[in-house]
Amino acid sequence: MEASWKAGVVRYDVDFSARIVRYYGASGEEYVEAYPLVEV
């Protein structure tokens, strides 16, 4: 969390169905990152 905050991320949303994370910056920036399916 601290590293995200230092990078300028003020919030993030995780969509478990679509397997993506959306990161939001203080000035309205948005970055979307997909992650692979993990089976346990």
PDB file of N, CA and C in Angstrom:
ATOM      1  N   MET A   1       0.818  -1.184   0.000  1.00  0.00           N
ATOM      2  CA  MET A   1       0.000   0.000   0.000  1.00  0.00           C
ATOM      3  C   MET A   1       0.863   1.249   0.000  1.00  0.00           C
ATOM      4  N   GLU A   2       1.905   1.244   0.800  1.00  0.00           N
ATOM      5  CA  GLU A   2       2.753   2.435   0.876  1.00  0.00           C
ATOM      6  C   GLU A   2       3.404   2.729  -0.473  1.00  0.00           C
ATOM      7  N   ALA A   3       3.847   1.679  -1.164  1.00  0.00           N
ATOM      8  CA  ALA A   3       4.475   1.883  -2.475  1.00  0.00           C
ATOM      9  C   ALA A   3       3.467   2.447  -3.480  1.00  0.00           C
ATOM     10  N   SER A   4       2.232   1.971  -3.413  1.00  0.00           N
ATOM     11  CA  SER A   4       1.194   2.505  -4.302  1.00  0.00           C
ATOM     12  C   SER A   4       0.939   3.971  -4.020  1.00  0.00           C
ATOM     13  N   TRP A   5       0.829   4.308  -2.747  1.00  0.00           N
ATOM     14  CA  TRP A   5       0.593   5.699  -2.350  1.00  0.00           C
ATOM     15  C   TRP A   5       1.737   6.590  -2.838  1.00  0.00           C
ATOM     16  N   LYS A   6       2.968   6.142  -2.656  1.00  0.00           N
ATOM     17  CA  LYS A   6       4.132   6.918  -3.102  1.00  0.00           C
ATOM     18  C   LYS A   6       4.170   7.065  -4.620  1.00  0.00           C
ATOM     19  N   ALA A   7       3.579   6.101  -5.318  1.00  0.00           N
ATOM     20  CA  ALA A   7       3.524   6.163  -6.787  1.00  0.00           C
ATOM     21  C   ALA A   7       2.403   7.064  -7.279  1.00  0.00           C
ATOM     22  N   GLY A   8       1.570   7.560  -6.359  1.00  0.00           N
ATOM     23  CA  GLY A   8       0.514   8.490  -6.741  1.00  0.00           C
ATOM     24  C   GLY A   8      -0.866   7.862  -6.848  1.00  0.00           C
ATOM     25  N   VAL A   9      -0.992   6.601  -6.477  1.00  0.00           N
ATOM     26  CA  VAL A   9      -2.301   5.931  -6.527  1.00  0.00           C
ATOM     27  C   VAL A   9      -3.106   6.357  -5.311  1.00  0.00           C
ATOM     28  N   VAL A  10      -4.308   6.880  -5.557  1.00  0.00           N
ATOM     29  CA  VAL A  10      -5.153   7.308  -4.446  1.00  0.00           C
ATOM     30  C   VAL A  10      -6.274   6.311  -4.162  1.00  0.00           C
ATOM     31  N   ARG A  11      -6.577   5.465  -5.151  1.00  0.00           N
ATOM     32  CA  ARG A  11      -7.528   4.380  -4.924  1.00  0.00           C
ATOM     33  C   ARG A  11      -7.383   3.366  -6.036  1.00  0.00           C
ATOM     34  N   TYR A  12      -7.939   2.182  -5.805  1.00  0.00           N
ATOM     35  CA  TYR A  12      -7.941   1.168  -6.843  1.00  0.00           C
ATOM     36  C   TYR A  12      -9.171   0.290  -6.684  1.00  0.00           C
ATOM     37  N   ASP A  13      -9.599  -0.317  -7.791  1.00  0.00           N
ATOM     38  CA  ASP A  13     -10.736  -1.225  -7.811  1.00  0.00           C
ATOM     39  C   ASP A  13     -10.275  -2.541  -8.420  1.00  0.00           C
ATOM     40  N   VAL A  14     -10.737  -3.633  -7.841  1.00  0.00           N
ATOM     41  CA  VAL A  14     -10.409  -4.958  -8.356  1.00  0.00           C
ATOM     42  C   VAL A  14     -11.677  -5.613  -8.872  1.00  0.00           C
ATOM     43  N   ASP A  15     -11.644  -6.081 -10.118  1.00  0.00           N
ATOM     44  CA  ASP A  15     -12.754  -6.824 -10.700  1.00  0.00           C
ATOM     45  C   ASP A  15     -12.308  -8.288 -10.793  1.00  0.00           C
ATOM     46  N   PHE A  16     -12.783  -9.102  -9.871  1.00  0.00           N
ATOM     47  CA  PHE A  16     -12.352 -10.492  -9.803  1.00  0.00           C
ATOM     48  C   PHE A  16     -12.873 -11.314 -10.977  1.00  0.00           C
ATOM     49  N   SER A  17     -14.042 -10.982 -11.511  1.00  0.00           N
ATOM     50  CA  SER A  17     -14.597 -11.711 -12.650  1.00  0.00           C
ATOM     51  C   SER A  17     -13.791 -11.450 -13.919  1.00  0.00           C
ATOM     52  N   ALA A  18     -13.476 -10.193 -14.175  1.00  0.00           N
ATOM     53  CA  ALA A  18     -12.718  -9.821 -15.377  1.00  0.00           C
ATOM     54  C   ALA A  18     -11.210  -9.947 -15.165  1.00  0.00           C
ATOM     55  N   ARG A  19     -10.792 -10.139 -13.917  1.00  0.00           N
ATOM     56  CA  ARG A  19      -9.377 -10.263 -13.525  1.00  0.00           C
ATOM     57  C   ARG A  19      -8.567  -9.032 -13.948  1.00  0.00           C
ATOM     58  N   ILE A  20      -9.093  -7.855 -13.576  1.00  0.00           N
ATOM     59  CA  ILE A  20      -8.363  -6.612 -13.819  1.00  0.00           C
ATOM     60  C   ILE A  20      -8.352  -5.756 -12.552  1.00  0.00           C
ATOM     61  N   VAL A  21      -7.345  -4.912 -12.481  1.00  0.00           N
ATOM     62  CA  VAL A  21      -7.236  -3.926 -11.402  1.00  0.00           C
ATOM     63  C   VAL A  21      -7.148  -2.563 -12.063  1.00  0.00           C
ATOM     64  N   ARG A  22      -7.933  -1.609 -11.585  1.00  0.00           N
ATOM     65  CA  ARG A  22      -7.885  -0.228 -12.078  1.00  0.00           C
ATOM     66  C   ARG A  22      -7.298   0.633 -10.968  1.00  0.00           C
ATOM     67  N   TYR A  23      -6.236   1.332 -11.296  1.00  0.00           N
ATOM     68  CA  TYR A  23      -5.588   2.239 -10.361  1.00  0.00           C
ATOM     69  C   TYR A  23      -5.926   3.670 -10.757  1.00  0.00           C
ATOM     70  N   TYR A  24      -6.195   4.519  -9.780  1.00  0.00           N
ATOM     71  CA  TYR A  24      -6.567   5.905 -10.040  1.00  0.00           C
ATOM     72  C   TYR A  24      -5.598   6.851  -9.341  1.00  0.00           C
ATOM     73  N   GLY A  25      -5.180   7.891 -10.066  1.00  0.00           N
ATOM     74  CA  GLY A  25      -4.301   8.909  -9.511  1.00  0.00           C
ATOM     75  C   GLY A  25      -5.085  10.129  -9.053  1.00  0.00           C
ATOM     76  N   ALA A  26      -4.429  11.008  -8.334  1.00  0.00           N
ATOM     77  CA  ALA A  26      -5.059  12.203  -7.769  1.00  0.00           C
ATOM     78  C   ALA A  26      -5.563  13.165  -8.851  1.00  0.00           C
ATOM     79  N   SER A  27      -4.941  13.144 -10.023  1.00  0.00           N
ATOM     80  CA  SER A  27      -5.335  14.060 -11.095  1.00  0.00           C
ATOM     81  C   SER A  27      -6.257  13.416 -12.120  1.00  0.00           C
ATOM     82  N   GLY A  28      -6.829  12.259 -11.770  1.00  0.00           N
ATOM     83  CA  GLY A  28      -7.749  11.597 -12.680  1.00  0.00           C
ATOM     84  C   GLY A  28      -7.119  10.562 -13.593  1.00  0.00           C
ATOM     85  N   GLU A  29      -5.829  10.305 -13.442  1.00  0.00           N
ATOM     86  CA  GLU A  29      -5.180   9.290 -14.256  1.00  0.00           C
ATOM     87  C   GLU A  29      -5.785   7.921 -13.927  1.00  0.00           C
ATOM     88  N   GLU A  30      -5.754   7.048 -14.913  1.00  0.00           N
ATOM     89  CA  GLU A  30      -6.266   5.703 -14.712  1.00  0.00           C
ATOM     90  C   GLU A  30      -5.346   4.708 -15.417  1.00  0.00           C
ATOM     91  N   TYR A  31      -5.017   3.631 -14.728  1.00  0.00           N
ATOM     92  CA  TYR A  31      -4.186   2.583 -15.301  1.00  0.00           C
ATOM     93  C   TYR A  31      -4.889   1.258 -15.049  1.00  0.00           C
ATOM     94  N   VAL A  32      -5.042   0.445 -16.098  1.00  0.00           N
ATOM     95  CA  VAL A  32      -5.714  -0.838 -15.978  1.00  0.00           C
ATOM     96  C   VAL A  32      -4.683  -1.934 -16.182  1.00  0.00           C
ATOM     97  N   GLU A  33      -4.710  -2.906 -15.280  1.00  0.00           N
ATOM     98  CA  GLU A  33      -3.764  -4.013 -15.336  1.00  0.00           C
ATOM     99  C   GLU A  33      -4.537  -5.325 -15.242  1.00  0.00           C
ATOM    100  N   ALA A  34      -4.296  -6.234 -16.186  1.00  0.00           N
ATOM    101  CA  ALA A  34      -4.913  -7.549 -16.144  1.00  0.00           C
ATOM    102  C   ALA A  34      -3.977  -8.511 -15.404  1.00  0.00           C
ATOM    103  N   TYR A  35      -4.574  -9.493 -14.770  1.00  0.00           N
ATOM    104  CA  TYR A  35      -3.751 -10.501 -14.110  1.00  0.00           C
ATOM    105  C   TYR A  35      -4.281 -11.889 -14.468  1.00  0.00           C
ATOM    106  N   PRO A  36      -3.404 -12.886 -14.483  1.00  0.00           N
ATOM    107  CA  PRO A  36      -3.803 -14.218 -14.938  1.00  0.00           C
ATOM    108  C   PRO A  36      -4.652 -14.953 -13.894  1.00  0.00           C
ATOM    109  N   LEU A  37      -5.384 -15.933 -14.371  1.00  0.00           N
ATOM    110  CA  LEU A  37      -6.169 -16.788 -13.499  1.00  0.00           C
ATOM    111  C   LEU A  37      -5.226 -17.628 -12.648  1.00  0.00           C
ATOM    112  N   VAL A  38      -5.516 -17.700 -11.368  1.00  0.00           N
ATOM    113  CA  VAL A  38      -4.705 -18.503 -10.445  1.00  0.00           C
ATOM    114  C   VAL A  38      -5.598 -19.579  -9.861  1.00  0.00           C
ATOM    115  N   GLU A  39      -5.176 -20.814 -10.010  1.00  0.00           N
ATOM    116  CA  GLU A  39      -5.930 -21.921  -9.425  1.00  0.00           C
ATOM    117  C   GLU A  39      -5.206 -22.418  -8.196  1.00  0.00           C
ATOM    118  N   VAL A  40      -5.971 -22.622  -7.143  1.00  0.00           N
ATOM    119  CA  VAL A  40      -5.383 -23.060  -5.879  1.00  0.00           C
ATOM    120  C   VAL A  40      -5.718 -24.514  -5.656  1.00  0.00           C
TER     121      VAL A  40
END
